[in-house]
Amino acid sequence: MKDENSVLGLSTIRRNRGITLEQIADSTKISVRSLDAIERGDFRKLPGGIYNTSYIRQYARAIDYDESAILAIYYREMGPAESSPTGADRKGLLNGFRNASIVRS
């Protein structure tokens, strides 16, 4: 059986180690849907932000796999703007706020 839809053959590695997605979900509190998305490399199905890298790290640890290998694929697929905490538009966070002014009596 060939594991064509899996990043780095993760689902095969997981199954060979006798671990189910349900077991990982129980121990990490990450949904089976998100874990399956990680295995398939369908990172856009993850919740976003810092959760993505946290989920990937927890999944890798659960199957005793090098988390940096999965993260490298994640960063390549998602690009720096969507996958990096520094890729966010910091000015966009403050739009709509005026600068504070000093009021003197």
PDB file of N, CA and C in Angstrom:
ATOM      1  N   MET A   1       0.837  -1.178   0.000  1.00  0.00           N
ATOM      2  CA  MET A   1       0.000   0.000   0.000  1.00  0.00           C
ATOM      3  C   MET A   1       0.882   1.242   0.000  1.00  0.00           C
ATOM      4  N   LYS A   2       0.685   2.103  -0.984  1.00  0.00           N
ATOM      5  CA  LYS A   2       1.488   3.308  -1.098  1.00  0.00           C
ATOM      6  C   LYS A   2       0.764   4.474  -0.445  1.00  0.00           C
ATOM      7  N   ASP A   3       1.489   5.269   0.298  1.00  0.00           N
ATOM      8  CA  ASP A   3       0.928   6.394   1.031  1.00  0.00           C
ATOM      9  C   ASP A   3       1.170   7.673   0.242  1.00  0.00           C
ATOM     10  N   GLU A   4       0.399   7.885  -0.836  1.00  0.00           N
ATOM     11  CA  GLU A   4       0.653   8.980  -1.760  1.00  0.00           C
ATOM     12  C   GLU A   4       0.290  10.349  -1.195  1.00  0.00           C
ATOM     13  N   ASN A   5      -0.710  10.420  -0.354  1.00  0.00           N
ATOM     14  CA  ASN A   5      -1.190  11.709   0.127  1.00  0.00           C
ATOM     15  C   ASN A   5      -0.631  12.085   1.486  1.00  0.00           C
ATOM     16  N   SER A   6       0.541  11.631   1.798  1.00  0.00           N
ATOM     17  CA  SER A   6       1.109  11.898   3.110  1.00  0.00           C
ATOM     18  C   SER A   6       2.434  12.635   2.976  1.00  0.00           C
ATOM     19  N   VAL A   7       2.601  13.655   3.787  1.00  0.00           N
ATOM     20  CA  VAL A   7       3.863  14.379   3.837  1.00  0.00           C
ATOM     21  C   VAL A   7       4.899  13.464   4.480  1.00  0.00           C
ATOM     22  N   LEU A   8       6.000  13.247   3.801  1.00  0.00           N
ATOM     23  CA  LEU A   8       7.105  12.434   4.314  1.00  0.00           C
ATOM     24  C   LEU A   8       6.690  11.031   4.736  1.00  0.00           C
ATOM     25  N   GLY A   9       5.544  10.559   4.275  1.00  0.00           N
ATOM     26  CA  GLY A   9       5.083   9.227   4.660  1.00  0.00           C
ATOM     27  C   GLY A   9       4.692   9.153   6.122  1.00  0.00           C
ATOM     28  N   LEU A  10       4.198  10.252   6.669  1.00  0.00           N
ATOM     29  CA  LEU A  10       3.913  10.310   8.108  1.00  0.00           C
ATOM     30  C   LEU A  10       2.884   9.286   8.558  1.00  0.00           C
ATOM     31  N   SER A  11       1.831   9.094   7.776  1.00  0.00           N
ATOM     32  CA  SER A  11       0.806   8.145   8.223  1.00  0.00           C
ATOM     33  C   SER A  11       1.362   6.722   8.237  1.00  0.00           C
ATOM     34  N   THR A  12       2.241   6.402   7.303  1.00  0.00           N
ATOM     35  CA  THR A  12       2.870   5.078   7.294  1.00  0.00           C
ATOM     36  C   THR A  12       3.767   4.906   8.516  1.00  0.00           C
ATOM     37  N   ILE A  13       4.548   5.927   8.825  1.00  0.00           N
ATOM     38  CA  ILE A  13       5.417   5.884  10.005  1.00  0.00           C
ATOM     39  C   ILE A  13       4.580   5.699  11.264  1.00  0.00           C
ATOM     40  N   ARG A  14       3.503   6.481  11.362  1.00  0.00           N
ATOM     41  CA  ARG A  14       2.622   6.395  12.531  1.00  0.00           C
ATOM     42  C   ARG A  14       2.030   4.997  12.660  1.00  0.00           C
ATOM     43  N   ARG A  15       1.510   4.469  11.563  1.00  0.00           N
ATOM     44  CA  ARG A  15       0.900   3.126  11.603  1.00  0.00           C
ATOM     45  C   ARG A  15       1.933   2.055  11.926  1.00  0.00           C
ATOM     46  N   ASN A  16       3.129   2.181  11.369  1.00  0.00           N
ATOM     47  CA  ASN A  16       4.190   1.203  11.654  1.00  0.00           C
ATOM     48  C   ASN A  16       4.585   1.207  13.127  1.00  0.00           C
ATOM     49  N   ARG A  17       4.381   2.328  13.784  1.00  0.00           N
ATOM     50  CA  ARG A  17       4.696   2.421  15.213  1.00  0.00           C
ATOM     51  C   ARG A  17       3.503   2.026  16.069  1.00  0.00           C
ATOM     52  N   GLY A  18       2.410   1.650  15.421  1.00  0.00           N
ATOM     53  CA  GLY A  18       1.239   1.174  16.154  1.00  0.00           C
ATOM     54  C   GLY A  18       0.462   2.271  16.846  1.00  0.00           C
ATOM     55  N   ILE A  19       0.475   3.465  16.276  1.00  0.00           N
ATOM     56  CA  ILE A  19      -0.211   4.604  16.889  1.00  0.00           C
ATOM     57  C   ILE A  19      -1.363   5.018  15.985  1.00  0.00           C
ATOM     58  N   THR A  20      -2.530   5.257  16.579  1.00  0.00           N
ATOM     59  CA  THR A  20      -3.681   5.720  15.803  1.00  0.00           C
ATOM     60  C   THR A  20      -3.824   7.237  15.953  1.00  0.00           C
ATOM     61  N   LEU A  21      -4.519   7.826  15.001  1.00  0.00           N
ATOM     62  CA  LEU A  21      -4.793   9.263  15.115  1.00  0.00           C
ATOM     63  C   LEU A  21      -5.633   9.556  16.357  1.00  0.00           C
ATOM     64  N   GLU A  22      -6.504   8.637  16.696  1.00  0.00           N
ATOM     65  CA  GLU A  22      -7.345   8.820  17.883  1.00  0.00           C
ATOM     66  C   GLU A  22      -6.503   8.858  19.159  1.00  0.00           C
ATOM     67  N   GLN A  23      -5.460   8.024  19.221  1.00  0.00           N
ATOM     68  CA  GLN A  23      -4.574   8.035  20.389  1.00  0.00           C
ATOM     69  C   GLN A  23      -3.834   9.378  20.487  1.00  0.00           C
ATOM     70  N   ILE A  24      -3.371   9.877  19.359  1.00  0.00           N
ATOM     71  CA  ILE A  24      -2.683  11.175  19.366  1.00  0.00           C
ATOM     72  C   ILE A  24      -3.661  12.273  19.763  1.00  0.00           C
ATOM     73  N   ALA A  25      -4.878  12.207  19.228  1.00  0.00           N
ATOM     74  CA  ALA A  25      -5.894  13.207  19.566  1.00  0.00           C
ATOM     75  C   ALA A  25      -6.194  13.195  21.062  1.00  0.00           C
ATOM     76  N   ASP A  26      -6.289  12.006  21.644  1.00  0.00           N
ATOM     77  CA  ASP A  26      -6.565  11.895  23.081  1.00  0.00           C
ATOM     78  C   ASP A  26      -5.439  12.494  23.921  1.00  0.00           C
ATOM     79  N   SER A  27      -4.199  12.248  23.512  1.00  0.00           N
ATOM     80  CA  SER A  27      -3.076  12.718  24.329  1.00  0.00           C
ATOM     81  C   SER A  27      -2.751  14.200  24.103  1.00  0.00           C
ATOM     82  N   THR A  28      -3.037  14.719  22.906  1.00  0.00           N
ATOM     83  CA  THR A  28      -2.670  16.116  22.607  1.00  0.00           C
ATOM     84  C   THR A  28      -3.848  17.069  22.655  1.00  0.00           C
ATOM     85  N   LYS A  29      -5.055  16.530  22.607  1.00  0.00           N
ATOM     86  CA  LYS A  29      -6.288  17.333  22.533  1.00  0.00           C
ATOM     87  C   LYS A  29      -6.398  18.083  21.203  1.00  0.00           C
ATOM     88  N   ILE A  30      -5.717  17.572  20.180  1.00  0.00           N
ATOM     89  CA  ILE A  30      -5.812  18.101  18.827  1.00  0.00           C
ATOM     90  C   ILE A  30      -6.816  17.223  18.087  1.00  0.00           C
ATOM     91  N   SER A  31      -7.706  17.823  17.305  1.00  0.00           N
ATOM     92  CA  SER A  31      -8.724  17.048  16.612  1.00  0.00           C
ATOM     93  C   SER A  31      -8.103  16.090  15.596  1.00  0.00           C
ATOM     94  N   VAL A  32      -8.777  14.982  15.382  1.00  0.00           N
ATOM     95  CA  VAL A  32      -8.331  14.003  14.393  1.00  0.00           C
ATOM     96  C   VAL A  32      -8.284  14.670  13.018  1.00  0.00           C
ATOM     97  N   ARG A  33      -9.208  15.551  12.760  1.00  0.00           N
ATOM     98  CA  ARG A  33      -9.237  16.272  11.473  1.00  0.00           C
ATOM     99  C   ARG A  33      -7.954  17.069  11.259  1.00  0.00           C
ATOM    100  N   SER A  34      -7.487  17.771  12.284  1.00  0.00           N
ATOM    101  CA  SER A  34      -6.250  18.539  12.173  1.00  0.00           C
ATOM    102  C   SER A  34      -5.039  17.626  12.034  1.00  0.00           C
ATOM    103  N   LEU A  35      -5.026  16.535  12.776  1.00  0.00           N
ATOM    104  CA  LEU A  35      -3.924  15.582  12.678  1.00  0.00           C
ATOM    105  C   LEU A  35      -3.859  14.968  11.284  1.00  0.00           C
ATOM    106  N   ASP A  36      -5.014  14.646  10.739  1.00  0.00           N
ATOM    107  CA  ASP A  36      -5.076  14.103   9.385  1.00  0.00           C
ATOM    108  C   ASP A  36      -4.583  15.138   8.367  1.00  0.00           C
ATOM    109  N   ALA A  37      -4.934  16.389   8.577  1.00  0.00           N
ATOM    110  CA  ALA A  37      -4.468  17.456   7.679  1.00  0.00           C
ATOM    111  C   ALA A  37      -2.945  17.574   7.715  1.00  0.00           C
ATOM    112  N   ILE A  38      -2.351  17.427   8.889  1.00  0.00           N
ATOM    113  CA  ILE A  38      -0.886  17.468   9.005  1.00  0.00           C
ATOM    114  C   ILE A  38      -0.282  16.315   8.208  1.00  0.00           C
ATOM    115  N   GLU A  39      -0.828  15.132   8.377  1.00  0.00           N
ATOM    116  CA  GLU A  39      -0.296  13.972   7.657  1.00  0.00           C
ATOM    117  C   GLU A  39      -0.382  14.150   6.144  1.00  0.00           C
ATOM    118  N   ARG A  40      -1.447  14.764   5.677  1.00  0.00           N
ATOM    119  CA  ARG A  40      -1.635  14.948   4.243  1.00  0.00           C
ATOM    120  C   ARG A  40      -0.913  16.187   3.712  1.00  0.00           C
ATOM    121  N   GLY A  41      -0.383  17.010   4.626  1.00  0.00           N
ATOM    122  CA  GLY A  41       0.271  18.239   4.203  1.00  0.00           C
ATOM    123  C   GLY A  41      -0.727  19.300   3.786  1.00  0.00           C
ATOM    124  N   ASP A  42      -1.963  19.160   4.227  1.00  0.00           N
ATOM    125  CA  ASP A  42      -3.025  20.112   3.905  1.00  0.00           C
ATOM    126  C   ASP A  42      -3.111  21.142   5.032  1.00  0.00           C
ATOM    127  N   PHE A  43      -2.048  21.952   5.135  1.00  0.00           N
ATOM    128  CA  PHE A  43      -1.885  22.850   6.274  1.00  0.00           C
ATOM    129  C   PHE A  43      -2.930  23.963   6.336  1.00  0.00           C
ATOM    130  N   ARG A  44      -3.586  24.245   5.236  1.00  0.00           N
ATOM    131  CA  ARG A  44      -4.620  25.292   5.231  1.00  0.00           C
ATOM    132  C   ARG A  44      -5.858  24.865   6.008  1.00  0.00           C
ATOM    133  N   LYS A  45      -5.959  23.590   6.340  1.00  0.00           N
ATOM    134  CA  LYS A  45      -7.092  23.091   7.139  1.00  0.00           C
ATOM    135  C   LYS A  45      -6.844  23.248   8.638  1.00  0.00           C
ATOM    136  N   LEU A  46      -5.643  23.685   9.002  1.00  0.00           N
ATOM    137  CA  LEU A  46      -5.327  23.898  10.418  1.00  0.00           C
ATOM    138  C   LEU A  46      -5.911  25.233  10.864  1.00  0.00           C
ATOM    139  N   PRO A  47      -6.049  25.452  12.169  1.00  0.00           N
ATOM    140  CA  PRO A  47      -6.731  26.651  12.665  1.00  0.00           C
ATOM    141  C   PRO A  47      -6.011  27.971  12.393  1.00  0.00           C
ATOM    142  N   GLY A  48      -4.715  27.938  12.163  1.00  0.00           N
ATOM    143  CA  GLY A  48      -3.990  29.167  11.839  1.00  0.00           C
ATOM    144  C   GLY A  48      -3.119  29.654  12.985  1.00  0.00           C
ATOM    145  N   GLY A  49      -2.301  30.642  12.660  1.00  0.00           N
ATOM    146  CA  GLY A  49      -1.444  31.277  13.645  1.00  0.00           C
ATOM    147  C   GLY A  49      -0.478  30.315  14.310  1.00  0.00           C
ATOM    148  N   ILE A  50      -0.201  30.596  15.560  1.00  0.00           N
ATOM    149  CA  ILE A  50       0.763  29.802  16.322  1.00  0.00           C
ATOM    150  C   ILE A  50       0.262  28.382  16.565  1.00  0.00           C
ATOM    151  N   TYR A  51      -1.053  28.165  16.444  1.00  0.00           N
ATOM    152  CA  TYR A  51      -1.594  26.820  16.617  1.00  0.00           C
ATOM    153  C   TYR A  51      -0.998  25.856  15.601  1.00  0.00           C
ATOM    154  N   ASN A  52      -0.778  26.323  14.376  1.00  0.00           N
ATOM    155  CA  ASN A  52      -0.269  25.429  13.336  1.00  0.00           C
ATOM    156  C   ASN A  52       1.067  24.814  13.722  1.00  0.00           C
ATOM    157  N   THR A  53       2.024  25.633  14.083  1.00  0.00           N
ATOM    158  CA  THR A  53       3.343  25.096  14.422  1.00  0.00           C
ATOM    159  C   THR A  53       3.279  24.277  15.709  1.00  0.00           C
ATOM    160  N   SER A  54       2.443  24.682  16.635  1.00  0.00           N
ATOM    161  CA  SER A  54       2.286  23.912  17.868  1.00  0.00           C
ATOM    162  C   SER A  54       1.707  22.534  17.567  1.00  0.00           C
ATOM    163  N   TYR A  55       0.685  22.467  16.731  1.00  0.00           N
ATOM    164  CA  TYR A  55       0.081  21.184  16.358  1.00  0.00           C
ATOM    165  C   TYR A  55       1.097  20.290  15.661  1.00  0.00           C
ATOM    166  N   ILE A  56       1.871  20.867  14.748  1.00  0.00           N
ATOM    167  CA  ILE A  56       2.865  20.087  14.013  1.00  0.00           C
ATOM    168  C   ILE A  56       3.913  19.525  14.969  1.00  0.00           C
ATOM    169  N   ARG A  57       4.387  20.355  15.891  1.00  0.00           N
ATOM    170  CA  ARG A  57       5.381  19.896  16.863  1.00  0.00           C
ATOM    171  C   ARG A  57       4.825  18.765  17.738  1.00  0.00           C
ATOM    172  N   GLN A  58       3.604  18.934  18.216  1.00  0.00           N
ATOM    173  CA  GLN A  58       2.999  17.909  19.067  1.00  0.00           C
ATOM    174  C   GLN A  58       2.784  16.601  18.304  1.00  0.00           C
ATOM    175  N   TYR A  59       2.358  16.714  17.057  1.00  0.00           N
ATOM    176  CA  TYR A  59       2.171  15.514  16.235  1.00  0.00           C
ATOM    177  C   TYR A  59       3.501  14.794  16.062  1.00  0.00           C
ATOM    178  N   ALA A  60       4.540  15.534  15.709  1.00  0.00           N
ATOM    179  CA  ALA A  60       5.866  14.933  15.490  1.00  0.00           C
ATOM    180  C   ALA A  60       6.358  14.231  16.752  1.00  0.00           C
ATOM    181  N   ARG A  61       6.175  14.859  17.889  1.00  0.00           N
ATOM    182  CA  ARG A  61       6.611  14.243  19.152  1.00  0.00           C
ATOM    183  C   ARG A  61       5.810  12.983  19.449  1.00  0.00           C
ATOM    184  N   ALA A  62       4.524  13.009  19.106  1.00  0.00           N
ATOM    185  CA  ALA A  62       3.663  11.857  19.383  1.00  0.00           C
ATOM    186  C   ALA A  62       4.076  10.632  18.589  1.00  0.00           C
ATOM    187  N   ILE A  63       4.635  10.832  17.386  1.00  0.00           N
ATOM    188  CA  ILE A  63       5.073   9.680  16.595  1.00  0.00           C
ATOM    189  C   ILE A  63       6.590   9.530  16.626  1.00  0.00           C
ATOM    190  N   ASP A  64       7.253  10.293  17.494  1.00  0.00           N
ATOM    191  CA  ASP A  64       8.707  10.245  17.654  1.00  0.00           C
ATOM    192  C   ASP A  64       9.410  10.499  16.315  1.00  0.00           C
ATOM    193  N   TYR A  65       9.082  11.659  15.729  1.00  0.00           N
ATOM    194  CA  TYR A  65       9.613  12.042  14.417  1.00  0.00           C
ATOM    195  C   TYR A  65      10.260  13.415  14.543  1.00  0.00           C
ATOM    196  N   ASP A  66      11.194  13.708  13.670  1.00  0.00           N
ATOM    197  CA  ASP A  66      11.897  14.984  13.671  1.00  0.00           C
ATOM    198  C   ASP A  66      10.943  16.117  13.287  1.00  0.00           C
ATOM    199  N   GLU A  67      10.586  16.940  14.257  1.00  0.00           N
ATOM    200  CA  GLU A  67       9.620  18.001  13.994  1.00  0.00           C
ATOM    201  C   GLU A  67      10.137  19.032  12.994  1.00  0.00           C
ATOM    202  N   SER A  68      11.443  19.234  12.931  1.00  0.00           N
ATOM    203  CA  SER A  68      11.990  20.227  11.999  1.00  0.00           C
ATOM    204  C   SER A  68      11.763  19.821  10.542  1.00  0.00           C
ATOM    205  N   ALA A  69      11.705  18.530  10.262  1.00  0.00           N
ATOM    206  CA  ALA A  69      11.453  18.072   8.895  1.00  0.00           C
ATOM    207  C   ALA A  69      10.036  18.439   8.456  1.00  0.00           C
ATOM    208  N   ILE A  70       9.073  18.241   9.345  1.00  0.00           N
ATOM    209  CA  ILE A  70       7.686  18.587   9.011  1.00  0.00           C
ATOM    210  C   ILE A  70       7.531  20.101   8.945  1.00  0.00           C
ATOM    211  N   LEU A  71       8.147  20.812   9.882  1.00  0.00           N
ATOM    212  CA  LEU A  71       8.053  22.266   9.882  1.00  0.00           C
ATOM    213  C   LEU A  71       8.673  22.878   8.632  1.00  0.00           C
ATOM    214  N   ALA A  72       9.742  22.276   8.129  1.00  0.00           N
ATOM    215  CA  ALA A  72      10.372  22.785   6.907  1.00  0.00           C
ATOM    216  C   ALA A  72       9.385  22.719   5.741  1.00  0.00           C
ATOM    217  N   ILE A  73       8.648  21.631   5.656  1.00  0.00           N
ATOM    218  CA  ILE A  73       7.632  21.507   4.604  1.00  0.00           C
ATOM    219  C   ILE A  73       6.520  22.510   4.829  1.00  0.00           C
ATOM    220  N   TYR A  74       6.106  22.672   6.067  1.00  0.00           N
ATOM    221  CA  TYR A  74       5.062  23.636   6.400  1.00  0.00           C
ATOM    222  C   TYR A  74       5.480  25.047   5.971  1.00  0.00           C
ATOM    223  N   TYR A  75       6.676  25.466   6.337  1.00  0.00           N
ATOM    224  CA  TYR A  75       7.143  26.808   5.979  1.00  0.00           C
ATOM    225  C   TYR A  75       7.268  26.966   4.475  1.00  0.00           C
ATOM    226  N   ARG A  76       7.712  25.917   3.794  1.00  0.00           N
ATOM    227  CA  ARG A  76       7.835  25.982   2.334  1.00  0.00           C
ATOM    228  C   ARG A  76       6.464  26.122   1.679  1.00  0.00           C
ATOM    229  N   GLU A  77       5.492  25.373   2.169  1.00  0.00           N
ATOM    230  CA  GLU A  77       4.143  25.386   1.594  1.00  0.00           C
ATOM    231  C   GLU A  77       3.391  26.674   1.914  1.00  0.00           C
ATOM    232  N   MET A  78       3.513  27.136   3.141  1.00  0.00           N
ATOM    233  CA  MET A  78       2.708  28.268   3.587  1.00  0.00           C
ATOM    234  C   MET A  78       3.364  29.616   3.299  1.00  0.00           C
ATOM    235  N   GLY A  79       4.667  29.634   3.135  1.00  0.00           N
ATOM    236  CA  GLY A  79       5.354  30.894   2.892  1.00  0.00           C
ATOM    237  C   GLY A  79       5.573  31.654   4.172  1.00  0.00           C
ATOM    238  N   PRO A  80       6.485  32.599   4.159  1.00  0.00           N
ATOM    239  CA  PRO A  80       6.842  33.299   5.389  1.00  0.00           C
ATOM    240  C   PRO A  80       5.728  34.184   5.946  1.00  0.00           C
ATOM    241  N   ALA A  81       4.902  34.774   5.103  1.00  0.00           N
ATOM    242  CA  ALA A  81       3.874  35.697   5.598  1.00  0.00           C
ATOM    243  C   ALA A  81       2.807  34.986   6.414  1.00  0.00           C
ATOM    244  N   GLU A  82       2.482  33.744   6.037  1.00  0.00           N
ATOM    245  CA  GLU A  82       1.420  33.035   6.727  1.00  0.00           C
ATOM    246  C   GLU A  82       1.919  32.136   7.835  1.00  0.00           C
ATOM    247  N   SER A  83       3.186  31.747   7.782  1.00  0.00           N
ATOM    248  CA  SER A  83       3.664  30.759   8.742  1.00  0.00           C
ATOM    249  C   SER A  83       4.555  31.341   9.821  1.00  0.00           C
ATOM    250  N   SER A  84       5.021  32.548   9.641  1.00  0.00           N
ATOM    251  CA  SER A  84       5.953  33.130  10.596  1.00  0.00           C
ATOM    252  C   SER A  84       5.255  34.161  11.469  1.00  0.00           C
ATOM    253  N   PRO A  85       5.497  34.131  12.772  1.00  0.00           N
ATOM    254  CA  PRO A  85       4.878  35.139  13.631  1.00  0.00           C
ATOM    255  C   PRO A  85       5.340  36.543  13.278  1.00  0.00           C
ATOM    256  N   THR A  86       6.528  36.690  12.703  1.00  0.00           N
ATOM    257  CA  THR A  86       7.006  38.019  12.331  1.00  0.00           C
ATOM    258  C   THR A  86       6.521  38.413  10.955  1.00  0.00           C
ATOM    259  N   GLY A  87       5.870  37.495  10.237  1.00  0.00           N
ATOM    260  CA  GLY A  87       5.359  37.798   8.919  1.00  0.00           C
ATOM    261  C   GLY A  87       4.066  38.592   8.959  1.00  0.00           C
ATOM    262  N   ALA A  88       3.470  38.718  10.120  1.00  0.00           N
ATOM    263  CA  ALA A  88       2.222  39.458  10.244  1.00  0.00           C
ATOM    264  C   ALA A  88       2.472  40.945  10.079  1.00  0.00           C
ATOM    265  N   ASP A  89       1.474  41.631   9.552  1.00  0.00           N
ATOM    266  CA  ASP A  89       1.565  43.071   9.377  1.00  0.00           C
ATOM    267  C   ASP A  89       1.272  43.733  10.717  1.00  0.00           C
ATOM    268  N   ARG A  90       2.317  44.107  11.405  1.00  0.00           N
ATOM    269  CA  ARG A  90       2.144  44.672  12.738  1.00  0.00           C
ATOM    270  C   ARG A  90       1.382  45.993  12.702  1.00  0.00           C
ATOM    271  N   LYS A  91       1.581  46.809  11.668  1.00  0.00           N
ATOM    272  CA  LYS A  91       0.845  48.063  11.577  1.00  0.00           C
ATOM    273  C   LYS A  91      -0.648  47.800  11.440  1.00  0.00           C
ATOM    274  N   GLY A  92      -0.994  46.693  10.772  1.00  0.00           N
ATOM    275  CA  GLY A  92      -2.396  46.344  10.605  1.00  0.00           C
ATOM    276  C   GLY A  92      -3.090  46.105  11.929  1.00  0.00           C
ATOM    277  N   LEU A  93      -2.336  45.705  12.930  1.00  0.00           N
ATOM    278  CA  LEU A  93      -2.913  45.470  14.244  1.00  0.00           C
ATOM    279  C   LEU A  93      -3.385  46.768  14.891  1.00  0.00           C
ATOM    280  N   LEU A  94      -2.782  47.864  14.513  1.00  0.00           N
ATOM    281  CA  LEU A  94      -3.078  49.134  15.164  1.00  0.00           C
ATOM    282  C   LEU A  94      -3.949  50.054  14.325  1.00  0.00           C
ATOM    283  N   ASN A  95      -4.354  49.651  13.137  1.00  0.00           N
ATOM    284  CA  ASN A  95      -5.229  50.487  12.324  1.00  0.00           C
ATOM    285  C   ASN A  95      -6.498  50.794  13.100  1.00  0.00           C
ATOM    286  N   GLY A  96      -6.982  51.987  12.968  1.00  0.00           N
ATOM    287  CA  GLY A  96      -8.194  52.378  13.667  1.00  0.00           C
ATOM    288  C   GLY A  96      -7.931  53.030  15.010  1.00  0.00           C
ATOM    289  N   PHE A  97      -6.709  53.000  15.486  1.00  0.00           N
ATOM    290  CA  PHE A  97      -6.360  53.642  16.745  1.00  0.00           C
ATOM    291  C   PHE A  97      -5.608  54.927  16.446  1.00  0.00           C
ATOM    292  N   ARG A  98      -5.907  55.951  17.198  1.00  0.00           N
ATOM    293  CA  ARG A  98      -5.180  57.208  17.057  1.00  0.00           C
ATOM    294  C   ARG A  98      -4.031  57.220  18.035  1.00  0.00           C
ATOM    295  N   ASN A  99      -3.012  57.995  17.706  1.00  0.00           N
ATOM    296  CA  ASN A  99      -1.909  58.163  18.641  1.00  0.00           C
ATOM    297  C   ASN A  99      -2.414  58.858  19.896  1.00  0.00           C
ATOM    298  N   ALA A 100      -1.878  58.452  21.000  1.00  0.00           N
ATOM    299  CA  ALA A 100      -2.252  59.089  22.265  1.00  0.00           C
ATOM    300  C   ALA A 100      -1.663  60.494  22.287  1.00  0.00           C
ATOM    301  N   SER A 101      -2.435  61.398  22.772  1.00  0.00           N
ATOM    302  CA  SER A 101      -1.906  62.759  22.891  1.00  0.00           C
ATOM    303  C   SER A 101      -1.896  63.153  24.358  1.00  0.00           C
ATOM    304  N   ILE A 102      -0.988  63.996  24.697  1.00  0.00           N
ATOM    305  CA  ILE A 102      -0.849  64.439  26.071  1.00  0.00           C
ATOM    306  C   ILE A 102      -1.784  65.638  26.258  1.00  0.00           C
ATOM    307  N   VAL A 103      -2.620  65.530  27.260  1.00  0.00           N
ATOM    308  CA  VAL A 103      -3.560  66.613  27.552  1.00  0.00           C
ATOM    309  C   VAL A 103      -3.007  67.348  28.767  1.00  0.00           C
ATOM    310  N   ARG A 104      -2.791  68.625  28.600  1.00  0.00           N
ATOM    311  CA  ARG A 104      -2.275  69.439  29.717  1.00  0.00           C
ATOM    312  C   ARG A 104      -3.327  70.423  30.136  1.00  0.00           C
ATOM    313  N   SER A 105      -3.389  70.642  31.421  1.00  0.00           N
ATOM    314  CA  SER A 105      -4.383  71.578  31.930  1.00  0.00           C
ATOM    315  C   SER A 105      -3.816  72.946  32.127  1.00  0.00           C
TER     316      SER A 105
END
